[in-house]
Amino acid sequence: MKMKRTVTFYKTEDGKSPVKDFLDSLPGKVVQKVTWVLSLLEDLDIVPSSYFKKLVGSEDIWECRIQFGSDAYRIFCFFEGNSVVVLTHGLVKKTQKTPKNEIERAEAYRREYLKRRGKI
């Protein structure tokens, strides 16, 4: 049986969605590519690491990787259980290394999300 993942947007306690704000700031063609990569996440059992990769040394933070022209976009996320992927926020990648403060921000969102759900 094929596993289906569900992609969902993280919301802060006051109802804001950092990832939605990020997507709203992107050009339409980039959003189309992001949507395509997110559909891979929902449909493929094994997503190629060129599109989806665990961040080494993080608290279970993953990144969706979107390449569009010469620009690299990253959307941070984590799993809730085995089948729900929660997208936290995104950035346009300017350097080789993913900024540590962005990873820490995703970790803080994850902890806060799980705490609100009584998981930690």
C-alpha atoms as a PDB file:
ATOM      1  CA  MET A   1       0.000   0.000   0.000  1.00  0.00           C
ATOM      2  CA  LYS A   2       1.350   3.377  -0.993  1.00  0.00           C
ATOM      3  CA  MET A   3       1.890   5.872   1.763  1.00  0.00           C
ATOM      4  CA  LYS A   4       0.350   9.267   1.203  1.00  0.00           C
ATOM      5  CA  ARG A   5       1.776  12.296   2.936  1.00  0.00           C
ATOM      6  CA  THR A   6      -0.168  15.413   3.721  1.00  0.00           C
ATOM      7  CA  VAL A   7       1.515  18.789   3.463  1.00  0.00           C
ATOM      8  CA  THR A   8       0.189  21.439   5.816  1.00  0.00           C
ATOM      9  CA  PHE A   9       1.180  24.989   6.774  1.00  0.00           C
ATOM     10  CA  TYR A  10       2.417  25.826  10.237  1.00  0.00           C
ATOM     11  CA  LYS A  11       0.517  28.641  11.957  1.00  0.00           C
ATOM     12  CA  THR A  12       1.740  30.657  14.918  1.00  0.00           C
ATOM     13  CA  GLU A  13      -0.447  30.914  18.018  1.00  0.00           C
ATOM     14  CA  ASP A  14      -1.869  34.188  16.706  1.00  0.00           C
ATOM     15  CA  GLY A  15      -2.807  32.527  13.402  1.00  0.00           C
ATOM     16  CA  LYS A  16      -0.018  33.826  11.150  1.00  0.00           C
ATOM     17  CA  SER A  17       1.506  31.504   8.573  1.00  0.00           C
ATOM     18  CA  PRO A  18       5.153  32.381   7.834  1.00  0.00           C
ATOM     19  CA  VAL A  19       5.314  29.936   4.919  1.00  0.00           C
ATOM     20  CA  LYS A  20       2.179  31.390   3.326  1.00  0.00           C
ATOM     21  CA  ASP A  21       3.669  34.885   3.607  1.00  0.00           C
ATOM     22  CA  PHE A  22       6.835  33.587   1.962  1.00  0.00           C
ATOM     23  CA  LEU A  23       4.928  31.941  -0.895  1.00  0.00           C
ATOM     24  CA  ASP A  24       2.843  35.087  -1.388  1.00  0.00           C
ATOM     25  CA  SER A  25       6.078  37.049  -1.892  1.00  0.00           C
ATOM     26  CA  LEU A  26       7.315  34.824  -4.734  1.00  0.00           C
ATOM     27  CA  PRO A  27       6.769  35.276  -8.488  1.00  0.00           C
ATOM     28  CA  GLY A  28       4.013  33.104  -9.965  1.00  0.00           C
ATOM     29  CA  LYS A  29       6.340  30.807 -11.928  1.00  0.00           C
ATOM     30  CA  VAL A  30       8.371  30.070  -8.791  1.00  0.00           C
ATOM     31  CA  VAL A  31       5.177  29.253  -6.893  1.00  0.00           C
ATOM     32  CA  GLN A  32       4.251  26.788  -9.666  1.00  0.00           C
ATOM     33  CA  LYS A  33       7.595  25.036  -9.188  1.00  0.00           C
ATOM     34  CA  VAL A  34       7.175  25.038  -5.389  1.00  0.00           C
ATOM     35  CA  THR A  35       3.704  23.515  -5.804  1.00  0.00           C
ATOM     36  CA  TRP A  36       5.164  20.820  -8.053  1.00  0.00           C
ATOM     37  CA  VAL A  37       7.887  19.952  -5.509  1.00  0.00           C
ATOM     38  CA  LEU A  38       5.291  19.818  -2.711  1.00  0.00           C
ATOM     39  CA  SER A  39       3.182  17.452  -4.822  1.00  0.00           C
ATOM     40  CA  LEU A  40       6.224  15.134  -5.071  1.00  0.00           C
ATOM     41  CA  LEU A  41       6.352  15.193  -1.293  1.00  0.00           C
ATOM     42  CA  GLU A  42       2.721  14.093  -1.117  1.00  0.00           C
ATOM     43  CA  ASP A  43       2.880  11.497  -3.888  1.00  0.00           C
ATOM     44  CA  LEU A  44       6.286   9.809  -3.836  1.00  0.00           C
ATOM     45  CA  ASP A  45       7.296   7.229  -1.236  1.00  0.00           C
ATOM     46  CA  ILE A  46      10.926   8.236  -1.641  1.00  0.00           C
ATOM     47  CA  VAL A  47      11.500  11.854  -2.595  1.00  0.00           C
ATOM     48  CA  PRO A  48      14.853  12.543  -4.305  1.00  0.00           C
ATOM     49  CA  SER A  49      17.254  14.418  -2.011  1.00  0.00           C
ATOM     50  CA  SER A  50      17.587  17.097  -4.674  1.00  0.00           C
ATOM     51  CA  TYR A  51      14.072  18.138  -3.580  1.00  0.00           C
ATOM     52  CA  PHE A  52      13.779  17.031   0.031  1.00  0.00           C
ATOM     53  CA  LYS A  53      16.532  16.565   2.548  1.00  0.00           C
ATOM     54  CA  LYS A  54      16.981  16.253   6.301  1.00  0.00           C
ATOM     55  CA  LEU A  55      19.173  18.991   7.719  1.00  0.00           C
ATOM     56  CA  VAL A  56      22.125  17.385   9.458  1.00  0.00           C
ATOM     57  CA  GLY A  57      22.585  18.437  13.067  1.00  0.00           C
ATOM     58  CA  SER A  58      19.042  19.817  13.379  1.00  0.00           C
ATOM     59  CA  GLU A  59      16.114  18.701  15.542  1.00  0.00           C
ATOM     60  CA  ASP A  60      14.327  16.738  12.829  1.00  0.00           C
ATOM     61  CA  ILE A  61      14.139  19.681  10.455  1.00  0.00           C
ATOM     62  CA  TRP A  62      13.879  18.974   6.731  1.00  0.00           C
ATOM     63  CA  GLU A  63      14.079  21.316   3.792  1.00  0.00           C
ATOM     64  CA  CYS A  64      12.155  21.338   0.548  1.00  0.00           C
ATOM     65  CA  ARG A  65      14.612  22.395  -2.098  1.00  0.00           C
ATOM     66  CA  ILE A  66      13.417  24.350  -5.096  1.00  0.00           C
ATOM     67  CA  GLN A  67      15.718  25.469  -7.870  1.00  0.00           C
ATOM     68  CA  PHE A  68      14.369  28.008 -10.317  1.00  0.00           C
ATOM     69  CA  GLY A  69      16.740  29.488 -12.860  1.00  0.00           C
ATOM     70  CA  SER A  70      19.803  30.533 -10.901  1.00  0.00           C
ATOM     71  CA  ASP A  71      17.842  30.978  -7.658  1.00  0.00           C
ATOM     72  CA  ALA A  72      17.571  28.447  -4.860  1.00  0.00           C
ATOM     73  CA  TYR A  73      14.559  28.467  -2.566  1.00  0.00           C
ATOM     74  CA  ARG A  74      14.233  26.561   0.685  1.00  0.00           C
ATOM     75  CA  ILE A  75      11.149  25.762   2.685  1.00  0.00           C
ATOM     76  CA  PHE A  76      11.740  24.359   6.140  1.00  0.00           C
ATOM     77  CA  CYS A  77       9.498  21.668   7.530  1.00  0.00           C
ATOM     78  CA  PHE A  78       9.153  18.807   9.989  1.00  0.00           C
ATOM     79  CA  PHE A  79       7.092  15.655  10.302  1.00  0.00           C
ATOM     80  CA  GLU A  80       4.164  15.204  12.640  1.00  0.00           C
ATOM     81  CA  GLY A  81       3.899  11.452  12.897  1.00  0.00           C
ATOM     82  CA  ASN A  82       4.828   9.605   9.706  1.00  0.00           C
ATOM     83  CA  SER A  83       2.543  11.150   7.176  1.00  0.00           C
ATOM     84  CA  VAL A  84       2.069  14.858   7.930  1.00  0.00           C
ATOM     85  CA  VAL A  85       4.686  17.347   6.762  1.00  0.00           C
ATOM     86  CA  VAL A  86       4.368  20.747   8.416  1.00  0.00           C
ATOM     87  CA  LEU A  87       5.922  23.622   6.437  1.00  0.00           C
ATOM     88  CA  THR A  88       7.263  26.372   8.700  1.00  0.00           C
ATOM     89  CA  HIS A  89       8.864  29.122   6.606  1.00  0.00           C
ATOM     90  CA  GLY A  90      10.986  29.723   3.555  1.00  0.00           C
ATOM     91  CA  LEU A  91      13.877  31.733   2.218  1.00  0.00           C
ATOM     92  CA  VAL A  92      15.712  32.552  -0.946  1.00  0.00           C
ATOM     93  CA  LYS A  93      19.087  30.925  -0.514  1.00  0.00           C
ATOM     94  CA  LYS A  94      22.002  33.304  -1.065  1.00  0.00           C
ATOM     95  CA  THR A  95      24.935  31.245   0.245  1.00  0.00           C
ATOM     96  CA  GLN A  96      26.137  27.644   0.123  1.00  0.00           C
ATOM     97  CA  LYS A  97      25.307  27.054   3.757  1.00  0.00           C
ATOM     98  CA  THR A  98      21.795  27.278   5.123  1.00  0.00           C
ATOM     99  CA  PRO A  99      21.817  30.063   7.743  1.00  0.00           C
ATOM    100  CA  LYS A 100      21.890  28.597  11.256  1.00  0.00           C
ATOM    101  CA  ASN A 101      19.381  31.151  12.553  1.00  0.00           C
ATOM    102  CA  GLU A 102      16.832  29.948   9.968  1.00  0.00           C
ATOM    103  CA  ILE A 103      17.268  26.338  11.109  1.00  0.00           C
ATOM    104  CA  GLU A 104      16.883  27.462  14.725  1.00  0.00           C
ATOM    105  CA  ARG A 105      13.727  29.341  13.778  1.00  0.00           C
ATOM    106  CA  ALA A 106      12.280  26.161  12.227  1.00  0.00           C
ATOM    107  CA  GLU A 107      13.231  24.188  15.354  1.00  0.00           C
ATOM    108  CA  ALA A 108      11.505  26.753  17.573  1.00  0.00           C
ATOM    109  CA  TYR A 109       8.361  26.562  15.400  1.00  0.00           C
ATOM    110  CA  ARG A 110       8.471  22.762  15.623  1.00  0.00           C
ATOM    111  CA  ARG A 111       8.798  22.724  19.426  1.00  0.00           C
ATOM    112  CA  GLU A 112       6.022  25.275  19.818  1.00  0.00           C
ATOM    113  CA  TYR A 113       3.756  23.344  17.409  1.00  0.00           C
ATOM    114  CA  LEU A 114       4.291  20.016  19.165  1.00  0.00           C
ATOM    115  CA  LYS A 115       3.844  21.604  22.586  1.00  0.00           C
ATOM    116  CA  ARG A 116       0.489  23.108  21.530  1.00  0.00           C
ATOM    117  CA  ARG A 117      -0.599  19.645  20.412  1.00  0.00           C
ATOM    118  CA  GLY A 118       0.529  18.057  23.655  1.00  0.00           C
ATOM    119  CA  LYS A 119       3.202  15.975  21.890  1.00  0.00           C
ATOM    120  CA  ILE A 120       6.117  17.228  24.030  1.00  0.00           C
END
